[in-house]
Amino acid sequence: MKLIFATNNPHKVEEMQAAIGGEIELYSLRQAGIDIEIPEPHDSLEANALEKSTTIFNLLNCDCFSDDTGLEVESLNAEPGVKSARYAGEGKNFEDNIDKLLLNLEVYTNRRARFRTVISLIWKAEKYQFEGICEGYIEKCRHGSKGFGYDTVFVPDGSDKTFGEMSLEEKNSFSHRKKAVTQLVAFLQQEAGENKIN
């Protein structure tokens, strides 16, 4: 089974492919011949994910899905949230984003946070959404060099390591994205009927 994943982020494609497994082959936008930057103008993850999947469906008229993920920090009133990728500016520089996050958290003792992923699937022209949440906290400095985004400062509940210190397999045992993908795959399994996806 082939699905277009409405992203050009190779880290996201790798992580999502590992979470889904080999029965579904993912195509990035570039692999599908699409080279555009889809806007994320909305104030919710749900609306931004839907914007991306709808844009690709309207262009290609085929099954596709997208995701939008935000880091929501309790002491910062759920910031950076929907603005996670652009927290420090439109350049989407995650080192700058982390610097700003750590600076803003300096005055707080509560460092509780969660990653939340929303997947928007368009399947046979119908729209579906799936959500995954990973609770944890923000470290005071970076640890590790793996992953992307805020991974080097986020420690999930049940671990003493940041995502940046984990292998992809370890991260997927906690990951918000993996939880949303599990729901996506369960839906596709049901749809596939006898040709089940494992």
Protein backbone atom coordinates (compact mmCIF):
# COMPACT_ATOMS: atom_id res chain seq x y z
CA MET A 1 0.00 0.00 0.00
CA LYS A 2 1.29 3.45 -0.90
CA LEU A 3 0.45 6.71 0.81
CA ILE A 4 1.65 10.25 0.25
CA PHE A 5 2.91 11.90 3.42
CA ALA A 6 2.47 15.66 3.06
CA THR A 7 5.94 16.66 4.23
CA ASN A 8 9.41 17.26 2.89
CA ASN A 9 11.05 16.75 6.29
CA PRO A 10 13.25 13.63 5.82
CA HIS A 11 13.45 13.08 9.60
CA LYS A 12 9.66 12.94 9.82
CA VAL A 13 9.46 10.52 6.89
CA GLU A 14 12.09 8.23 8.44
CA GLU A 15 10.42 8.31 11.85
CA MET A 16 6.94 7.77 10.40
CA GLN A 17 8.10 4.94 8.13
CA ALA A 18 9.73 3.20 11.12
CA ALA A 19 6.54 3.63 13.13
CA ILE A 20 4.27 2.33 10.36
CA GLY A 21 6.41 -0.60 9.24
CA GLY A 22 7.13 -2.02 5.83
CA GLU A 23 3.63 -2.82 4.60
CA ILE A 24 2.87 0.82 3.81
CA GLU A 25 5.29 2.66 1.55
CA LEU A 26 5.44 6.38 2.24
CA TYR A 27 6.12 8.98 -0.40
CA SER A 28 7.25 12.47 0.57
CA LEU A 29 5.98 15.44 -1.40
CA ARG A 30 9.19 15.61 -3.45
CA GLN A 31 8.96 11.90 -4.25
CA ALA A 32 5.41 12.55 -5.46
CA GLY A 33 6.63 15.40 -7.66
CA ILE A 34 5.34 18.20 -5.43
CA ASP A 35 7.77 20.95 -4.44
CA ILE A 36 5.74 23.46 -2.45
CA GLU A 37 5.73 24.82 1.06
CA ILE A 38 2.21 24.33 2.43
CA PRO A 39 1.16 27.18 4.73
CA GLU A 40 0.23 26.53 8.35
CA PRO A 41 -1.91 29.60 9.04
CA HIS A 42 -4.25 28.24 11.70
CA ASP A 43 -4.21 28.40 15.49
CA SER A 44 -4.68 24.68 16.10
CA LEU A 45 -2.78 21.52 15.19
CA GLU A 46 -5.99 19.97 13.90
CA ALA A 47 -6.66 22.78 11.42
CA ASN A 48 -3.06 22.94 10.18
CA ALA A 49 -2.90 19.17 9.62
CA LEU A 50 -6.16 19.33 7.68
CA GLU A 51 -4.88 22.26 5.61
CA LYS A 52 -1.85 20.24 4.50
CA SER A 53 -3.69 17.02 3.65
CA THR A 54 -6.48 18.88 1.84
CA THR A 55 -3.96 20.85 -0.22
CA ILE A 56 -2.24 17.67 -1.41
CA PHE A 57 -5.52 15.86 -2.05
CA ASN A 58 -6.74 18.75 -4.19
CA LEU A 59 -3.50 18.68 -6.19
CA LEU A 60 -3.18 14.91 -6.71
CA ASN A 61 -6.63 13.47 -5.98
CA CYS A 62 -5.16 10.48 -4.14
CA ASP A 63 -4.98 9.05 -0.63
CA CYS A 64 -2.68 11.10 1.57
CA PHE A 65 -2.06 12.18 5.11
CA SER A 66 -0.26 14.90 7.00
CA ASP A 67 0.65 15.62 10.57
CA ASP A 68 1.14 18.64 12.72
CA THR A 69 2.99 18.40 16.00
CA GLY A 70 3.40 20.86 18.82
CA LEU A 71 5.29 21.01 22.09
CA GLU A 72 2.96 22.28 24.80
CA VAL A 73 4.65 23.53 27.99
CA GLU A 74 2.46 23.96 31.08
CA SER A 75 4.22 27.00 32.57
CA LEU A 76 4.17 28.79 29.22
CA ASN A 77 0.40 28.43 28.73
CA ALA A 78 0.89 25.57 26.22
CA GLU A 79 3.47 27.48 24.19
CA PRO A 80 5.12 27.04 21.77
CA GLY A 81 2.25 24.77 20.64
CA VAL A 82 1.15 25.35 17.08
CA LYS A 83 4.13 27.71 16.62
CA SER A 84 6.71 25.10 17.67
CA ALA A 85 8.63 25.11 14.37
CA ARG A 86 8.71 28.93 14.24
CA TYR A 87 9.00 29.73 17.95
CA ALA A 88 12.11 31.89 17.49
CA GLY A 89 11.19 33.17 14.03
CA GLU A 90 10.21 32.19 10.52
CA GLY A 91 13.61 30.61 9.83
CA LYS A 92 12.52 27.36 11.55
CA ASN A 93 15.89 27.11 13.32
CA PHE A 94 15.42 24.59 16.11
CA GLU A 95 18.63 25.53 17.93
CA ASP A 96 17.23 29.05 18.23
CA ASN A 97 13.84 27.63 19.21
CA ILE A 98 15.42 25.58 22.01
CA ASP A 99 17.43 28.57 23.21
CA LYS A 100 14.25 30.64 23.44
CA LEU A 101 12.37 27.82 25.21
CA LEU A 102 15.09 27.32 27.83
CA LEU A 103 15.35 31.06 28.40
CA ASN A 104 11.59 31.43 28.86
CA LEU A 105 11.55 28.53 31.34
CA GLU A 106 14.38 29.81 33.53
CA VAL A 107 12.03 31.47 36.03
CA TYR A 108 9.77 28.43 36.42
CA THR A 109 10.15 25.32 38.55
CA ASN A 110 7.33 23.51 36.73
CA ARG A 111 8.89 22.15 33.55
CA ARG A 112 6.06 19.77 32.66
CA ALA A 113 5.36 19.52 28.93
CA ARG A 114 3.83 17.28 26.34
CA PHE A 115 4.25 16.60 22.67
CA ARG A 116 0.99 16.31 20.75
CA THR A 117 0.63 15.03 17.18
CA VAL A 118 -2.49 15.25 15.05
CA ILE A 119 -2.65 13.19 11.84
CA SER A 120 -5.09 14.20 9.13
CA LEU A 121 -5.87 11.38 6.69
CA ILE A 122 -7.85 11.69 3.49
CA TRP A 123 -8.87 8.19 2.47
CA LYS A 124 -11.27 7.54 -0.40
CA ALA A 125 -12.11 11.25 -0.29
CA GLU A 126 -13.21 11.04 3.38
CA LYS A 127 -11.41 12.93 6.15
CA TYR A 128 -10.19 11.38 9.42
CA GLN A 129 -8.04 12.58 12.31
CA PHE A 130 -5.93 10.73 14.88
CA GLU A 131 -4.16 12.14 17.94
CA GLY A 132 -1.13 11.01 19.94
CA ILE A 133 0.21 12.56 23.17
CA CYS A 134 3.48 12.03 25.02
CA GLU A 135 3.78 13.55 28.51
CA GLY A 136 7.12 14.53 29.97
CA TYR A 137 9.26 17.48 31.01
CA ILE A 138 11.88 19.90 29.66
CA GLU A 139 15.51 19.50 30.73
CA LYS A 140 17.57 22.55 31.68
CA CYS A 141 20.12 21.91 28.94
CA ARG A 142 20.54 19.79 25.82
CA HIS A 143 21.36 16.08 26.05
CA GLY A 144 22.08 13.89 23.02
CA SER A 145 22.34 14.61 19.33
CA LYS A 146 19.69 12.36 17.76
CA GLY A 147 16.23 13.20 16.51
CA PHE A 148 15.14 16.70 15.55
CA GLY A 149 13.21 19.66 16.85
CA TYR A 150 13.09 19.80 20.65
CA ASP A 151 14.22 16.18 21.11
CA THR A 152 17.44 17.07 22.93
CA VAL A 153 15.60 18.77 25.82
CA PHE A 154 12.43 16.65 26.14
CA VAL A 155 12.34 13.68 28.55
CA PRO A 156 9.24 11.47 28.28
CA ASP A 157 7.58 10.08 31.40
CA GLY A 158 9.01 6.64 32.19
CA SER A 159 12.52 7.46 30.99
CA ASP A 160 15.56 9.34 32.27
CA LYS A 161 16.81 10.10 28.75
CA THR A 162 15.84 12.80 26.32
CA PHE A 163 14.51 11.84 22.89
CA GLY A 164 17.85 13.14 21.63
CA GLU A 165 19.63 10.33 23.49
CA MET A 166 17.36 7.56 22.21
CA SER A 167 17.52 5.33 19.17
CA LEU A 168 14.55 5.57 16.83
CA GLU A 169 13.24 2.29 18.23
CA GLU A 170 13.46 3.61 21.81
CA LYS A 171 11.80 6.88 20.88
CA ASN A 172 8.93 5.08 19.16
CA SER A 173 8.16 3.23 22.40
CA PHE A 174 7.15 6.62 23.89
CA SER A 175 6.48 8.78 20.85
CA HIS A 176 3.40 10.92 20.40
CA ARG A 177 3.80 10.41 16.65
CA LYS A 178 3.93 6.63 17.09
CA LYS A 179 0.72 6.72 19.13
CA ALA A 180 -1.09 8.65 16.41
CA VAL A 181 0.38 6.36 13.73
CA THR A 182 -0.84 3.28 15.63
CA GLN A 183 -4.39 4.60 15.31
CA LEU A 184 -3.81 5.39 11.63
CA VAL A 185 -2.52 1.87 10.93
CA ALA A 186 -5.40 0.29 12.86
CA PHE A 187 -7.82 2.24 10.68
CA LEU A 188 -6.02 1.16 7.49
CA GLN A 189 -5.98 -2.44 8.67
CA GLN A 190 -9.74 -2.31 9.06
CA GLU A 191 -10.09 -0.74 5.63
CA ALA A 192 -7.78 -3.24 3.98
CA GLY A 193 -9.90 -6.17 5.14
CA GLU A 194 -8.30 -9.43 4.08
CA ASN A 195 -5.16 -7.65 2.88
CA LYS A 196 -4.23 -6.67 6.38
CA ILE A 197 -1.29 -4.43 7.21
CA ASN A 198 0.88 -5.80 9.99
